[in-house]
Amino acid sequence: MNACKIVEDLLPLYEEKLVHQETEQWIKQHLSNCTNCRNLTSNVMEAMPQLIPPKKSASAMMKHVQVKLTIYQLLFVVLSFVFAINTSLLNESFAFILSYFILGAVTFYFYRHVLLTLLLSFLPILIWSIYATIQSFGSYSNWYTQQIEHYSSALSLVLNTVWGCIFTAFIHTLFTILGVIVVKLLIQAFKKEDAS
């Protein structure tokens, strides 16, 4: 077999340094003795365009992509949350069932963290409930003066209000949990389907 044809076939791999060390030595030896192959090598190198190194490293590009994904995730969660708050039980709408289900599903799908999903559902509605309860009386002082007469102390008034708001937040969070469960089941079903 003609050694020049072998070198010609291996030349692209040799130029990219993708051949074994023994093969590289053999090609170097052949190139030192064969002018045709040496000329072919210089012609190939001139014809090959120079690769421009990327402006960013792979890790910098991945960080950039992760930041973008996080922004999109936060945007979806905020939109879901705004939708959920607007349809909360406090607004006397039972559409909160669907909205908190969606909030739970979207948040869990993006973050895959149950506790974070529950906190993003529970804490805002708890704070919103406390605020809405007090604002329903017009102001804090109106709320306090009208409600204190029904309680033995200011502490019992505050505790009762907070417990009521915790209960409201818990009801909303139940539908978030249903959203999480549905997404978990879907993820498992797709994993089983991909495995088979």
C-alpha atoms as a PDB file:
ATOM      1  CA  MET A   1       0.000   0.000   0.000  1.00  0.00           C
ATOM      2  CA  ASN A   2       1.233   3.470  -0.845  1.00  0.00           C
ATOM      3  CA  ALA A   3       2.365   5.404   2.271  1.00  0.00           C
ATOM      4  CA  CYS A   4       1.443   8.742   0.656  1.00  0.00           C
ATOM      5  CA  LYS A   5      -2.220   7.719   0.417  1.00  0.00           C
ATOM      6  CA  ILE A   6      -2.238   6.754   4.095  1.00  0.00           C
ATOM      7  CA  VAL A   7      -0.657  10.090   5.074  1.00  0.00           C
ATOM      8  CA  GLU A   8      -3.168  11.931   2.872  1.00  0.00           C
ATOM      9  CA  ASP A   9      -6.043  10.177   4.676  1.00  0.00           C
ATOM     10  CA  LEU A  10      -4.559  10.846   8.118  1.00  0.00           C
ATOM     11  CA  LEU A  11      -3.504  14.422   7.443  1.00  0.00           C
ATOM     12  CA  PRO A  12      -6.643  16.139   8.850  1.00  0.00           C
ATOM     13  CA  LEU A  13      -6.368  14.108  12.050  1.00  0.00           C
ATOM     14  CA  TYR A  14      -2.641  14.795  12.236  1.00  0.00           C
ATOM     15  CA  GLU A  15      -3.176  18.559  11.879  1.00  0.00           C
ATOM     16  CA  GLU A  16      -5.784  18.502  14.680  1.00  0.00           C
ATOM     17  CA  LYS A  17      -3.434  16.388  16.822  1.00  0.00           C
ATOM     18  CA  LEU A  18      -5.948  13.553  17.017  1.00  0.00           C
ATOM     19  CA  VAL A  19      -3.621  10.677  16.150  1.00  0.00           C
ATOM     20  CA  HIS A  20      -1.657   8.417  18.469  1.00  0.00           C
ATOM     21  CA  GLN A  21       1.905   9.390  19.267  1.00  0.00           C
ATOM     22  CA  GLU A  22       3.348   6.505  17.209  1.00  0.00           C
ATOM     23  CA  THR A  23       1.227   7.514  14.204  1.00  0.00           C
ATOM     24  CA  GLU A  24       2.296  11.129  14.606  1.00  0.00           C
ATOM     25  CA  GLN A  25       5.987  10.093  14.618  1.00  0.00           C
ATOM     26  CA  TRP A  26       5.448   7.932  11.524  1.00  0.00           C
ATOM     27  CA  ILE A  27       3.737  10.828   9.670  1.00  0.00           C
ATOM     28  CA  LYS A  28       6.512  13.256  10.686  1.00  0.00           C
ATOM     29  CA  GLN A  29       9.125  10.821   9.404  1.00  0.00           C
ATOM     30  CA  HIS A  30       7.250  10.371   6.139  1.00  0.00           C
ATOM     31  CA  LEU A  31       6.846  14.159   5.689  1.00  0.00           C
ATOM     32  CA  SER A  32      10.569  14.691   6.213  1.00  0.00           C
ATOM     33  CA  ASN A  33      11.301  12.260   3.342  1.00  0.00           C
ATOM     34  CA  CYS A  34       8.407  13.015   0.930  1.00  0.00           C
ATOM     35  CA  THR A  35       8.195  16.427  -0.760  1.00  0.00           C
ATOM     36  CA  ASN A  36       4.755  15.805  -2.280  1.00  0.00           C
ATOM     37  CA  CYS A  37       3.193  15.083   1.116  1.00  0.00           C
ATOM     38  CA  ARG A  38       5.058  18.020   2.681  1.00  0.00           C
ATOM     39  CA  ASN A  39       3.652  20.348  -0.039  1.00  0.00           C
ATOM     40  CA  LEU A  40       0.199  18.850   0.490  1.00  0.00           C
ATOM     41  CA  THR A  41       0.485  19.563   4.204  1.00  0.00           C
ATOM     42  CA  SER A  42       1.392  23.213   3.667  1.00  0.00           C
ATOM     43  CA  ASN A  43      -1.431  23.593   1.091  1.00  0.00           C
ATOM     44  CA  VAL A  44      -3.966  22.067   3.482  1.00  0.00           C
ATOM     45  CA  MET A  45      -2.846  24.339   6.316  1.00  0.00           C
ATOM     46  CA  GLU A  46      -3.130  27.444   4.094  1.00  0.00           C
ATOM     47  CA  ALA A  47      -6.592  26.400   2.895  1.00  0.00           C
ATOM     48  CA  MET A  48      -7.924  25.766   6.383  1.00  0.00           C
ATOM     49  CA  PRO A  49      -9.552  28.846   7.891  1.00  0.00           C
ATOM     50  CA  GLN A  50      -8.213  29.963  11.221  1.00  0.00           C
ATOM     51  CA  LEU A  51     -10.685  29.334  13.991  1.00  0.00           C
ATOM     52  CA  ILE A  52     -11.610  32.411  15.965  1.00  0.00           C
ATOM     53  CA  PRO A  53     -11.579  31.638  19.665  1.00  0.00           C
ATOM     54  CA  PRO A  54     -14.888  32.364  21.395  1.00  0.00           C
ATOM     55  CA  LYS A  55     -15.144  35.670  23.221  1.00  0.00           C
ATOM     56  CA  LYS A  56     -16.445  33.955  26.348  1.00  0.00           C
ATOM     57  CA  SER A  57     -15.353  30.749  27.990  1.00  0.00           C
ATOM     58  CA  ALA A  58     -17.793  27.865  28.184  1.00  0.00           C
ATOM     59  CA  SER A  59     -18.337  28.405  31.909  1.00  0.00           C
ATOM     60  CA  ALA A  60     -19.053  32.129  31.361  1.00  0.00           C
ATOM     61  CA  MET A  61     -21.563  31.252  28.637  1.00  0.00           C
ATOM     62  CA  MET A  62     -23.238  28.690  30.921  1.00  0.00           C
ATOM     63  CA  LYS A  63     -23.481  31.256  33.727  1.00  0.00           C
ATOM     64  CA  HIS A  64     -25.056  33.700  31.280  1.00  0.00           C
ATOM     65  CA  VAL A  65     -27.598  31.071  30.191  1.00  0.00           C
ATOM     66  CA  GLN A  66     -28.364  30.178  33.826  1.00  0.00           C
ATOM     67  CA  VAL A  67     -28.954  33.843  34.685  1.00  0.00           C
ATOM     68  CA  LYS A  68     -31.334  34.176  31.735  1.00  0.00           C
ATOM     69  CA  LEU A  69     -33.195  31.016  32.732  1.00  0.00           C
ATOM     70  CA  THR A  70     -33.482  32.220  36.326  1.00  0.00           C
ATOM     71  CA  ILE A  71     -34.925  35.533  35.129  1.00  0.00           C
ATOM     72  CA  TYR A  72     -37.482  33.699  32.978  1.00  0.00           C
ATOM     73  CA  GLN A  73     -38.333  31.396  35.873  1.00  0.00           C
ATOM     74  CA  LEU A  74     -38.830  34.327  38.231  1.00  0.00           C
ATOM     75  CA  LEU A  75     -40.983  36.068  35.636  1.00  0.00           C
ATOM     76  CA  PHE A  76     -43.258  33.032  35.317  1.00  0.00           C
ATOM     77  CA  VAL A  77     -43.461  32.614  39.079  1.00  0.00           C
ATOM     78  CA  VAL A  78     -44.265  36.309  39.602  1.00  0.00           C
ATOM     79  CA  LEU A  79     -46.941  36.206  36.897  1.00  0.00           C
ATOM     80  CA  SER A  80     -48.412  33.065  38.449  1.00  0.00           C
ATOM     81  CA  PHE A  81     -48.304  34.690  41.876  1.00  0.00           C
ATOM     82  CA  VAL A  82     -50.006  37.897  40.701  1.00  0.00           C
ATOM     83  CA  PHE A  83     -52.678  35.816  39.029  1.00  0.00           C
ATOM     84  CA  ALA A  84     -53.066  33.762  42.195  1.00  0.00           C
ATOM     85  CA  ILE A  85     -53.334  36.800  44.507  1.00  0.00           C
ATOM     86  CA  ASN A  86     -55.937  38.418  42.250  1.00  0.00           C
ATOM     87  CA  THR A  87     -58.065  35.298  42.487  1.00  0.00           C
ATOM     88  CA  SER A  88     -57.524  34.590  46.172  1.00  0.00           C
ATOM     89  CA  LEU A  89     -60.246  33.525  48.566  1.00  0.00           C
ATOM     90  CA  LEU A  90     -60.025  37.011  50.077  1.00  0.00           C
ATOM     91  CA  ASN A  91     -61.479  38.388  46.851  1.00  0.00           C
ATOM     92  CA  GLU A  92     -64.437  36.020  47.316  1.00  0.00           C
ATOM     93  CA  SER A  93     -63.522  34.086  44.204  1.00  0.00           C
ATOM     94  CA  PHE A  94     -63.101  30.361  43.995  1.00  0.00           C
ATOM     95  CA  ALA A  95     -60.845  30.751  40.973  1.00  0.00           C
ATOM     96  CA  PHE A  96     -58.016  30.673  43.544  1.00  0.00           C
ATOM     97  CA  ILE A  97     -58.238  26.884  43.391  1.00  0.00           C
ATOM     98  CA  LEU A  98     -57.024  26.821  39.802  1.00  0.00           C
ATOM     99  CA  SER A  99     -54.605  29.715  40.220  1.00  0.00           C
ATOM    100  CA  TYR A 100     -52.840  28.204  43.240  1.00  0.00           C
ATOM    101  CA  PHE A 101     -52.746  24.841  41.505  1.00  0.00           C
ATOM    102  CA  ILE A 102     -51.009  26.545  38.558  1.00  0.00           C
ATOM    103  CA  LEU A 103     -48.719  28.520  40.891  1.00  0.00           C
ATOM    104  CA  GLY A 104     -47.642  25.299  42.599  1.00  0.00           C
ATOM    105  CA  ALA A 105     -47.161  23.426  39.340  1.00  0.00           C
ATOM    106  CA  VAL A 106     -45.156  26.186  37.635  1.00  0.00           C
ATOM    107  CA  THR A 107     -42.994  26.966  40.660  1.00  0.00           C
ATOM    108  CA  PHE A 108     -42.213  23.329  41.359  1.00  0.00           C
ATOM    109  CA  TYR A 109     -41.532  22.599  37.686  1.00  0.00           C
ATOM    110  CA  PHE A 110     -38.956  25.391  37.512  1.00  0.00           C
ATOM    111  CA  TYR A 111     -37.239  24.940  40.871  1.00  0.00           C
ATOM    112  CA  ARG A 112     -37.909  21.245  41.705  1.00  0.00           C
ATOM    113  CA  HIS A 113     -37.918  22.184  45.373  1.00  0.00           C
ATOM    114  CA  VAL A 114     -41.077  21.413  47.378  1.00  0.00           C
ATOM    115  CA  LEU A 115     -40.277  23.620  50.396  1.00  0.00           C
ATOM    116  CA  LEU A 116     -39.509  26.642  48.216  1.00  0.00           C
ATOM    117  CA  THR A 117     -42.743  26.107  46.305  1.00  0.00           C
ATOM    118  CA  LEU A 118     -44.762  25.906  49.517  1.00  0.00           C
ATOM    119  CA  LEU A 119     -43.083  28.990  50.965  1.00  0.00           C
ATOM    120  CA  LEU A 120     -43.747  30.976  47.766  1.00  0.00           C
ATOM    121  CA  SER A 121     -47.377  29.991  48.072  1.00  0.00           C
ATOM    122  CA  PHE A 122     -47.881  30.280  51.835  1.00  0.00           C
ATOM    123  CA  LEU A 123     -45.957  33.392  52.938  1.00  0.00           C
ATOM    124  CA  PRO A 124     -47.293  35.926  50.411  1.00  0.00           C
ATOM    125  CA  ILE A 125     -50.924  34.939  50.963  1.00  0.00           C
ATOM    126  CA  LEU A 126     -50.353  35.043  54.739  1.00  0.00           C
ATOM    127  CA  ILE A 127     -48.989  38.586  54.518  1.00  0.00           C
ATOM    128  CA  TRP A 128     -51.727  39.559  52.054  1.00  0.00           C
ATOM    129  CA  SER A 129     -54.391  38.109  54.371  1.00  0.00           C
ATOM    130  CA  ILE A 130     -53.143  40.078  57.366  1.00  0.00           C
ATOM    131  CA  TYR A 131     -53.000  43.253  55.274  1.00  0.00           C
ATOM    132  CA  ALA A 132     -56.467  42.677  53.749  1.00  0.00           C
ATOM    133  CA  THR A 133     -57.989  41.912  57.155  1.00  0.00           C
ATOM    134  CA  ILE A 134     -56.730  45.152  58.658  1.00  0.00           C
ATOM    135  CA  GLN A 135     -57.537  47.191  55.523  1.00  0.00           C
ATOM    136  CA  SER A 136     -61.117  45.897  55.526  1.00  0.00           C
ATOM    137  CA  PHE A 137     -61.648  48.184  58.542  1.00  0.00           C
ATOM    138  CA  GLY A 138     -60.148  51.181  56.749  1.00  0.00           C
ATOM    139  CA  SER A 139     -57.051  51.563  58.922  1.00  0.00           C
ATOM    140  CA  TYR A 140     -55.083  49.860  61.634  1.00  0.00           C
ATOM    141  CA  SER A 141     -56.616  52.025  64.376  1.00  0.00           C
ATOM    142  CA  ASN A 142     -60.171  51.297  63.169  1.00  0.00           C
ATOM    143  CA  TRP A 143     -59.410  47.588  63.073  1.00  0.00           C
ATOM    144  CA  TYR A 144     -57.943  47.662  66.554  1.00  0.00           C
ATOM    145  CA  THR A 145     -60.716  49.732  68.173  1.00  0.00           C
ATOM    146  CA  GLN A 146     -63.534  47.757  66.550  1.00  0.00           C
ATOM    147  CA  GLN A 147     -62.030  44.343  67.247  1.00  0.00           C
ATOM    148  CA  ILE A 148     -60.468  44.759  70.702  1.00  0.00           C
ATOM    149  CA  GLU A 149     -63.850  44.788  72.404  1.00  0.00           C
ATOM    150  CA  HIS A 150     -64.378  41.159  71.302  1.00  0.00           C
ATOM    151  CA  TYR A 151     -61.109  39.945  72.844  1.00  0.00           C
ATOM    152  CA  SER A 152     -59.664  39.839  76.337  1.00  0.00           C
ATOM    153  CA  SER A 153     -56.349  41.404  75.320  1.00  0.00           C
ATOM    154  CA  ALA A 154     -54.471  42.907  72.384  1.00  0.00           C
ATOM    155  CA  LEU A 155     -52.349  39.768  72.230  1.00  0.00           C
ATOM    156  CA  SER A 156     -55.390  37.517  71.816  1.00  0.00           C
ATOM    157  CA  LEU A 157     -56.697  39.853  69.079  1.00  0.00           C
ATOM    158  CA  VAL A 158     -53.406  39.687  67.184  1.00  0.00           C
ATOM    159  CA  LEU A 159     -53.064  35.917  67.667  1.00  0.00           C
ATOM    160  CA  ASN A 160     -56.617  35.282  66.525  1.00  0.00           C
ATOM    161  CA  THR A 161     -56.105  37.428  63.437  1.00  0.00           C
ATOM    162  CA  VAL A 162     -52.815  35.732  62.614  1.00  0.00           C
ATOM    163  CA  TRP A 163     -54.290  32.243  63.129  1.00  0.00           C
ATOM    164  CA  GLY A 164     -57.190  33.114  60.828  1.00  0.00           C
ATOM    165  CA  CYS A 165     -54.747  34.325  58.192  1.00  0.00           C
ATOM    166  CA  ILE A 166     -52.601  31.204  58.628  1.00  0.00           C
ATOM    167  CA  PHE A 167     -55.709  29.098  58.027  1.00  0.00           C
ATOM    168  CA  THR A 168     -56.491  31.081  54.855  1.00  0.00           C
ATOM    169  CA  ALA A 169     -52.911  30.674  53.641  1.00  0.00           C
ATOM    170  CA  PHE A 170     -53.046  26.949  54.452  1.00  0.00           C
ATOM    171  CA  ILE A 171     -56.188  26.505  52.325  1.00  0.00           C
ATOM    172  CA  HIS A 172     -54.432  28.176  49.394  1.00  0.00           C
ATOM    173  CA  THR A 173     -51.316  26.079  49.965  1.00  0.00           C
ATOM    174  CA  LEU A 174     -53.339  22.858  49.768  1.00  0.00           C
ATOM    175  CA  PHE A 175     -54.038  23.575  46.109  1.00  0.00           C
ATOM    176  CA  THR A 176     -50.366  24.403  45.583  1.00  0.00           C
ATOM    177  CA  ILE A 177     -49.522  20.960  46.989  1.00  0.00           C
ATOM    178  CA  LEU A 178     -51.903  19.402  44.450  1.00  0.00           C
ATOM    179  CA  GLY A 179     -50.035  21.230  41.672  1.00  0.00           C
ATOM    180  CA  VAL A 180     -46.711  19.918  43.019  1.00  0.00           C
ATOM    181  CA  ILE A 181     -48.059  16.355  43.178  1.00  0.00           C
ATOM    182  CA  VAL A 182     -49.326  16.487  39.599  1.00  0.00           C
ATOM    183  CA  VAL A 183     -45.977  17.792  38.292  1.00  0.00           C
ATOM    184  CA  LYS A 184     -44.058  15.145  40.292  1.00  0.00           C
ATOM    185  CA  LEU A 185     -46.250  12.409  38.813  1.00  0.00           C
ATOM    186  CA  LEU A 186     -45.792  13.787  35.293  1.00  0.00           C
ATOM    187  CA  ILE A 187     -42.014  13.956  35.723  1.00  0.00           C
ATOM    188  CA  GLN A 188     -41.929  10.351  36.940  1.00  0.00           C
ATOM    189  CA  ALA A 189     -44.152   9.219  34.067  1.00  0.00           C
ATOM    190  CA  PHE A 190     -41.891  10.888  31.502  1.00  0.00           C
ATOM    191  CA  LYS A 191     -38.787   9.398  33.132  1.00  0.00           C
ATOM    192  CA  LYS A 192     -40.303   5.910  32.925  1.00  0.00           C
ATOM    193  CA  GLU A 193     -41.289   6.515  29.313  1.00  0.00           C
ATOM    194  CA  ASP A 194     -37.779   7.706  28.442  1.00  0.00           C
ATOM    195  CA  ALA A 195     -36.219   4.712  30.207  1.00  0.00           C
ATOM    196  CA  SER A 196     -38.203   2.207  28.159  1.00  0.00           C
END
